[in-house]
C-alpha atoms as a PDB file:
ATOM      1  CA  GLN A   1      19.904  10.957   3.122  1.00  0.00           C
ATOM      2  CA  LYS A   2      23.644  12.246   2.302  1.00  0.00           C
ATOM      3  CA  LEU A   3      23.247  14.940  -0.456  1.00  0.00           C
ATOM      4  CA  TYR A   4      20.993  16.206   2.649  1.00  0.00           C
ATOM      5  CA  SER A   5      24.113  15.138   5.517  1.00  0.00           C
ATOM      6  CA  ASP A   6      26.226  17.706   2.666  1.00  0.00           C
ATOM      7  CA  LYS A   7      24.541  20.757   2.376  1.00  0.00           C
ATOM      8  CA  PHE A   8      23.396  21.024   5.812  1.00  0.00           C
ATOM      9  CA  GLY A   9      25.863  18.579   8.108  1.00  0.00           C
ATOM     10  CA  ALA A  10      25.208  15.380   9.208  1.00  0.00           C
ATOM     11  CA  GLU A  11      24.680  16.097  12.659  1.00  0.00           C
ATOM     12  CA  ASN A  12      21.700  18.785  11.559  1.00  0.00           C
ATOM     13  CA  VAL A  13      19.655  15.612   9.643  1.00  0.00           C
ATOM     14  CA  LYS A  14      17.206  13.840  10.963  1.00  0.00           C
ATOM     15  CA  MET A  15      15.496  11.037   9.150  1.00  0.00           C
ATOM     16  CA  ILE A  16      11.775  10.584  10.057  1.00  0.00           C
ATOM     17  CA  GLN A  17      10.927   6.887   9.815  1.00  0.00           C
ATOM     18  CA  ASP A  18       6.745   6.934   9.671  1.00  0.00           C
ATOM     19  CA  SER A  19       4.994   7.026   6.824  1.00  0.00           C
ATOM     20  CA  GLY A  20       2.506   9.284   8.817  1.00  0.00           C
ATOM     21  CA  LYS A  21       1.463  12.789   8.805  1.00  0.00           C
ATOM     22  CA  VAL A  22       3.708  14.961  10.940  1.00  0.00           C
ATOM     23  CA  ASN A  23       3.172  17.951  12.424  1.00  0.00           C
ATOM     24  CA  PRO A  24       5.312  20.731  12.715  1.00  0.00           C
ATOM     25  CA  LYS A  25       5.225  22.007  15.697  1.00  0.00           C
ATOM     26  CA  ASP A  26       6.623  18.497  17.395  1.00  0.00           C
ATOM     27  CA  LEU A  27      10.081  19.103  14.669  1.00  0.00           C
ATOM     28  CA  ASP A  28      12.950  20.739  16.390  1.00  0.00           C
ATOM     29  CA  SER A  29      13.180  23.806  13.726  1.00  0.00           C
ATOM     30  CA  LYS A  30      17.337  23.301  13.951  1.00  0.00           C
ATOM     31  CA  TYR A  31      17.115  20.689  12.146  1.00  0.00           C
ATOM     32  CA  ALA A  32      16.278  19.277   8.984  1.00  0.00           C
ATOM     33  CA  TYR A  33      13.671  16.938   8.781  1.00  0.00           C
ATOM     34  CA  ILE A  34      13.831  13.513   5.838  1.00  0.00           C
ATOM     35  CA  GLN A  35      10.703  11.123   5.694  1.00  0.00           C
ATOM     36  CA  VAL A  36      10.948   8.874   2.964  1.00  0.00           C
ATOM     37  CA  THR A  37       8.526   6.206   2.673  1.00  0.00           C
ATOM     38  CA  HIS A  38       7.904   3.668  -0.049  1.00  0.00           C
ATOM     39  CA  VAL A  39       5.368   4.355  -2.273  1.00  0.00           C
ATOM     40  CA  VAL A  40       4.296   1.511  -5.732  1.00  0.00           C
ATOM     41  CA  PRO A  41       2.802   3.035  -8.713  1.00  0.00           C
ATOM     42  CA  TYR A  42      -1.537   3.500  -8.645  1.00  0.00           C
ATOM     43  CA  PHE A  43      -3.620   2.371 -11.503  1.00  0.00           C
ATOM     44  CA  GLU A  44      -7.650   2.443 -11.229  1.00  0.00           C
ATOM     45  CA  GLU A  45      -9.035  -0.004 -13.523  1.00  0.00           C
ATOM     46  CA  LYS A  46      -9.667   0.778 -17.161  1.00  0.00           C
ATOM     47  CA  GLU A  47      -5.990   2.680 -16.835  1.00  0.00           C
ATOM     48  CA  LEU A  48      -4.319  -1.201 -15.841  1.00  0.00           C
ATOM     49  CA  GLN A  49      -6.168  -2.877 -18.954  1.00  0.00           C
ATOM     50  CA  GLU A  50      -4.890  -0.433 -21.043  1.00  0.00           C
ATOM     51  CA  ARG A  51      -1.061  -0.670 -19.846  1.00  0.00           C
ATOM     52  CA  LYS A  52      -0.455  -4.310 -20.532  1.00  0.00           C
ATOM     53  CA  THR A  53       3.407  -4.234 -21.029  1.00  0.00           C
ATOM     54  CA  ASP A  54       5.892  -4.198 -17.757  1.00  0.00           C
ATOM     55  CA  PHE A  55       6.900  -0.684 -19.934  1.00  0.00           C
ATOM     56  CA  GLU A  56       3.702   0.627 -19.816  1.00  0.00           C
ATOM     57  CA  ARG A  57       3.219  -0.259 -15.998  1.00  0.00           C
ATOM     58  CA  THR A  58       6.577   1.606 -14.990  1.00  0.00           C
ATOM     59  CA  HIS A  59       7.016   4.924 -17.785  1.00  0.00           C
ATOM     60  CA  ASN A  60       4.548   7.860 -17.924  1.00  0.00           C
ATOM     61  CA  ILE A  61       2.967   7.230 -14.394  1.00  0.00           C
ATOM     62  CA  ARG A  62       1.863  10.525 -11.811  1.00  0.00           C
ATOM     63  CA  ARG A  63       0.029   8.455  -9.162  1.00  0.00           C
ATOM     64  CA  PHE A  64       1.780   6.608  -6.652  1.00  0.00           C
ATOM     65  CA  MET A  65      -0.117   4.741  -3.324  1.00  0.00           C
ATOM     66  CA  PHE A  66       0.823   3.764  -0.070  1.00  0.00           C
ATOM     67  CA  GLU A  67      -1.159   2.203   2.758  1.00  0.00           C
ATOM     68  CA  MET A  68      -0.261   2.422   6.078  1.00  0.00           C
ATOM     69  CA  PRO A  69      -1.971   0.127   8.606  1.00  0.00           C
ATOM     70  CA  PHE A  70      -4.330   1.123  11.785  1.00  0.00           C
ATOM     71  CA  THR A  71      -7.364   0.987  14.417  1.00  0.00           C
ATOM     72  CA  GLN A  72      -9.896   1.895  15.329  1.00  0.00           C
ATOM     73  CA  GLY A  73      -8.443   1.708  19.185  1.00  0.00           C
ATOM     74  CA  GLY A  74      -5.531   3.677  17.848  1.00  0.00           C
ATOM     75  CA  LYS A  75      -2.719   1.563  18.065  1.00  0.00           C
ATOM     76  CA  ARG A  76      -1.223   0.691  14.346  1.00  0.00           C
ATOM     77  CA  GLN A  77      -1.455  -3.623  14.203  1.00  0.00           C
ATOM     78  CA  GLY A  78      -4.538  -5.466  16.105  1.00  0.00           C
ATOM     79  CA  GLY A  79      -6.299  -8.671  15.035  1.00  0.00           C
ATOM     80  CA  VAL A  80      -8.424  -9.265  11.530  1.00  0.00           C
ATOM     81  CA  GLU A  81     -11.227  -8.260  12.913  1.00  0.00           C
ATOM     82  CA  GLU A  82     -10.047  -4.750  13.650  1.00  0.00           C
ATOM     83  CA  GLN A  83      -7.337  -4.365  11.588  1.00  0.00           C
ATOM     84  CA  CYS A  84      -8.061  -0.611   9.433  1.00  0.00           C
ATOM     85  CA  LYS A  85      -5.878   0.494   6.382  1.00  0.00           C
ATOM     86  CA  ARG A  86      -5.692   3.980   5.459  1.00  0.00           C
ATOM     87  CA  ARG A  87      -4.688   4.224   1.395  1.00  0.00           C
ATOM     88  CA  THR A  88      -2.959   7.349   0.542  1.00  0.00           C
ATOM     89  CA  ILE A  89      -3.348   8.027  -3.462  1.00  0.00           C
ATOM     90  CA  LEU A  90      -0.492  10.675  -4.597  1.00  0.00           C
ATOM     91  CA  THR A  91      -0.340  12.708  -7.978  1.00  0.00           C
ATOM     92  CA  ALA A  92       3.292  14.600  -8.670  1.00  0.00           C
ATOM     93  CA  ILE A  93       2.914  17.433 -11.196  1.00  0.00           C
ATOM     94  CA  HIS A  94       5.050  15.422 -13.582  1.00  0.00           C
ATOM     95  CA  CYS A  95       4.703  12.105 -14.513  1.00  0.00           C
ATOM     96  CA  PHE A  96       7.540   9.591 -13.625  1.00  0.00           C
ATOM     97  CA  PRO A  97      10.499   9.024 -15.070  1.00  0.00           C
ATOM     98  CA  TYR A  98      11.683  12.566 -15.373  1.00  0.00           C
ATOM     99  CA  VAL A  99      14.518  14.760 -16.042  1.00  0.00           C
ATOM    100  CA  LYS A 100      14.421  15.376 -11.580  1.00  0.00           C
ATOM    101  CA  LYS A 101      15.372  13.039  -9.277  1.00  0.00           C
ATOM    102  CA  ARG A 102      12.188  14.679  -7.296  1.00  0.00           C
ATOM    103  CA  ILE A 103       9.524  16.184  -7.827  1.00  0.00           C
ATOM    104  CA  PRO A 104       6.450  18.169  -6.294  1.00  0.00           C
ATOM    105  CA  VAL A 105       2.833  16.369  -5.054  1.00  0.00           C
ATOM    106  CA  MET A 106       0.177  18.365  -6.133  1.00  0.00           C
ATOM    107  CA  TYR A 107      -2.834  15.984  -4.549  1.00  0.00           C
ATOM    108  CA  GLN A 108      -3.200  13.993  -1.638  1.00  0.00           C
ATOM    109  CA  HIS A 109      -6.756  11.396  -1.589  1.00  0.00           C
ATOM    110  CA  HIS A 110      -6.985   9.239   1.662  1.00  0.00           C
ATOM    111  CA  THR A 111      -9.255   6.802   1.700  1.00  0.00           C
ATOM    112  CA  ASP A 112     -10.096   4.674   5.046  1.00  0.00           C
ATOM    113  CA  LEU A 113     -10.666   0.866   4.633  1.00  0.00           C
ATOM    114  CA  ASN A 114     -12.615  -0.770   7.352  1.00  0.00           C
ATOM    115  CA  PRO A 115     -11.356  -4.192   8.142  1.00  0.00           C
ATOM    116  CA  ILE A 116     -13.881  -6.250   6.039  1.00  0.00           C
ATOM    117  CA  GLU A 117     -13.296  -3.827   2.824  1.00  0.00           C
ATOM    118  CA  VAL A 118      -8.970  -4.672   4.091  1.00  0.00           C
ATOM    119  CA  ALA A 119     -10.376  -8.712   3.411  1.00  0.00           C
ATOM    120  CA  ILE A 120     -11.058  -7.321   0.605  1.00  0.00           C
ATOM    121  CA  ASP A 121      -8.293  -5.731  -0.950  1.00  0.00           C
ATOM    122  CA  GLU A 122      -6.236  -8.232   0.402  1.00  0.00           C
ATOM    123  CA  MET A 123      -8.220 -11.157  -1.516  1.00  0.00           C
ATOM    124  CA  SER A 124      -8.218  -9.033  -3.709  1.00  0.00           C
ATOM    125  CA  LYS A 125      -4.513  -8.848  -4.661  1.00  0.00           C
ATOM    126  CA  LYS A 126      -4.253 -12.395  -4.961  1.00  0.00           C
ATOM    127  CA  VAL A 127      -6.077 -13.216  -6.594  1.00  0.00           C
ATOM    128  CA  ALA A 128      -5.332 -10.694  -9.186  1.00  0.00           C
ATOM    129  CA  GLU A 129      -1.631 -12.211  -8.878  1.00  0.00           C
ATOM    130  CA  LEU A 130      -2.703 -15.539  -9.508  1.00  0.00           C
ATOM    131  CA  ARG A 131      -3.977 -14.929 -12.174  1.00  0.00           C
ATOM    132  CA  GLN A 132      -1.620 -12.826 -13.582  1.00  0.00           C
ATOM    133  CA  LEU A 133       0.355 -15.850 -13.292  1.00  0.00           C
ATOM    134  CA  CYS A 134      -1.613 -18.397 -14.913  1.00  0.00           C
ATOM    135  CA  SER A 135      -2.671 -16.415 -17.275  1.00  0.00           C
ATOM    136  CA  SER A 136       1.133 -16.377 -19.182  1.00  0.00           C
ATOM    137  CA  THR A 137       1.737 -18.250 -22.300  1.00  0.00           C
ATOM    138  CA  GLU A 138       4.621 -19.965 -19.848  1.00  0.00           C
ATOM    139  CA  VAL A 139       3.341 -20.910 -16.197  1.00  0.00           C
ATOM    140  CA  ASP A 140       5.644 -20.613 -13.918  1.00  0.00           C
ATOM    141  CA  MET A 141       5.326 -23.457 -11.554  1.00  0.00           C
ATOM    142  CA  ILE A 142       7.874 -22.183  -9.093  1.00  0.00           C
ATOM    143  CA  LYS A 143       6.438 -19.010  -8.312  1.00  0.00           C
ATOM    144  CA  LEU A 144       2.798 -20.362  -8.754  1.00  0.00           C
ATOM    145  CA  GLN A 145       3.499 -23.044  -6.355  1.00  0.00           C
ATOM    146  CA  LEU A 146       4.667 -20.313  -3.887  1.00  0.00           C
ATOM    147  CA  LYS A 147       2.190 -18.275  -4.427  1.00  0.00           C
ATOM    148  CA  LEU A 148      -0.508 -20.998  -3.694  1.00  0.00           C
ATOM    149  CA  GLN A 149       0.890 -21.868  -0.378  1.00  0.00           C
ATOM    150  CA  GLY A 150       1.290 -18.366   0.373  1.00  0.00           C
ATOM    151  CA  SER A 151      -2.239 -17.527  -0.307  1.00  0.00           C
ATOM    152  CA  VAL A 152      -3.953 -21.010   0.904  1.00  0.00           C
ATOM    153  CA  SER A 153      -1.529 -21.467   3.537  1.00  0.00           C
ATOM    154  CA  VAL A 154      -0.153 -18.173   5.128  1.00  0.00           C
ATOM    155  CA  GLN A 155       2.466 -17.970   8.072  1.00  0.00           C
ATOM    156  CA  VAL A 156       2.959 -14.070   8.148  1.00  0.00           C
ATOM    157  CA  ASN A 157      -0.917 -12.365   7.621  1.00  0.00           C
ATOM    158  CA  ALA A 158      -3.942 -13.234   7.631  1.00  0.00           C
ATOM    159  CA  GLY A 159      -5.543 -15.831   4.568  1.00  0.00           C
ATOM    160  CA  PRO A 160      -8.797 -17.172   3.360  1.00  0.00           C
ATOM    161  CA  LEU A 161      -9.152 -18.762   7.128  1.00  0.00           C
ATOM    162  CA  ALA A 162      -8.977 -14.919   9.189  1.00  0.00           C
ATOM    163  CA  TYR A 163     -10.806 -13.328   6.623  1.00  0.00           C
ATOM    164  CA  ALA A 164     -13.640 -16.379   6.994  1.00  0.00           C
ATOM    165  CA  ARG A 165     -13.855 -16.611  10.649  1.00  0.00           C
ATOM    166  CA  ALA A 166     -13.282 -13.051  11.686  1.00  0.00           C
ATOM    167  CA  PHE A 167     -16.135 -11.555   9.126  1.00  0.00           C
ATOM    168  CA  LEU A 168     -18.333 -15.001   7.739  1.00  0.00           C
ATOM    169  CA  ASP A 169     -19.416 -15.719  11.338  1.00  0.00           C
ATOM    170  CA  ASP A 170     -23.263 -14.717  12.310  1.00  0.00           C
ATOM    171  CA  THR A 171     -21.955 -11.656  15.204  1.00  0.00           C
ATOM    172  CA  ASN A 172     -19.606 -10.121  13.686  1.00  0.00           C
ATOM    173  CA  THR A 173     -21.796 -10.642   9.287  1.00  0.00           C
ATOM    174  CA  LYS A 174     -24.389  -8.100  10.889  1.00  0.00           C
ATOM    175  CA  ARG A 175     -22.106  -5.616  11.233  1.00  0.00           C
ATOM    176  CA  TYR A 176     -20.897  -4.960   7.763  1.00  0.00           C
ATOM    177  CA  PRO A 177     -23.511  -4.662   4.024  1.00  0.00           C
ATOM    178  CA  ASP A 178     -24.675  -7.267   2.288  1.00  0.00           C
ATOM    179  CA  ASN A 179     -22.630  -6.637  -0.412  1.00  0.00           C
ATOM    180  CA  LYS A 180     -19.233  -6.854   1.150  1.00  0.00           C
ATOM    181  CA  VAL A 181     -20.296 -10.225   3.232  1.00  0.00           C
END
């Protein structure tokens, strides 16, 4: 923000806090807008198996991902049974790290996950994290205990019990394909 404030003047630069798509018609042309969002490296399953070390997982990366929650009703957050997620995968022209800090995005791919797919995705991430902690040569018991507590007796986000109540109930199982339930 400082870079653009120095270039255009601090009063002429505005930050857009939302990661959603911005309609240029809604923006005031007298301001320079900056939209920043948190992204994480994105790997296909095969690529993830090939990149074994932390170095390999943080270098020569062209694809990044961010996710935005939404509901069919238009709200950003909802109950487990109505919470959807839009996953956006960005492909940059060059790999990071690079000589320049900013590299143009050459391709965007959006995937919408329905509520049961969101639950499967969240549970799969937790299982992968637990598997990684357990498979290390020296298991850090404190990290493992914290991860287990955060996975089983969830305080903030929905956990296994909430997903079971939402998707394994007889009334909801009919709404989703058998291979997802």
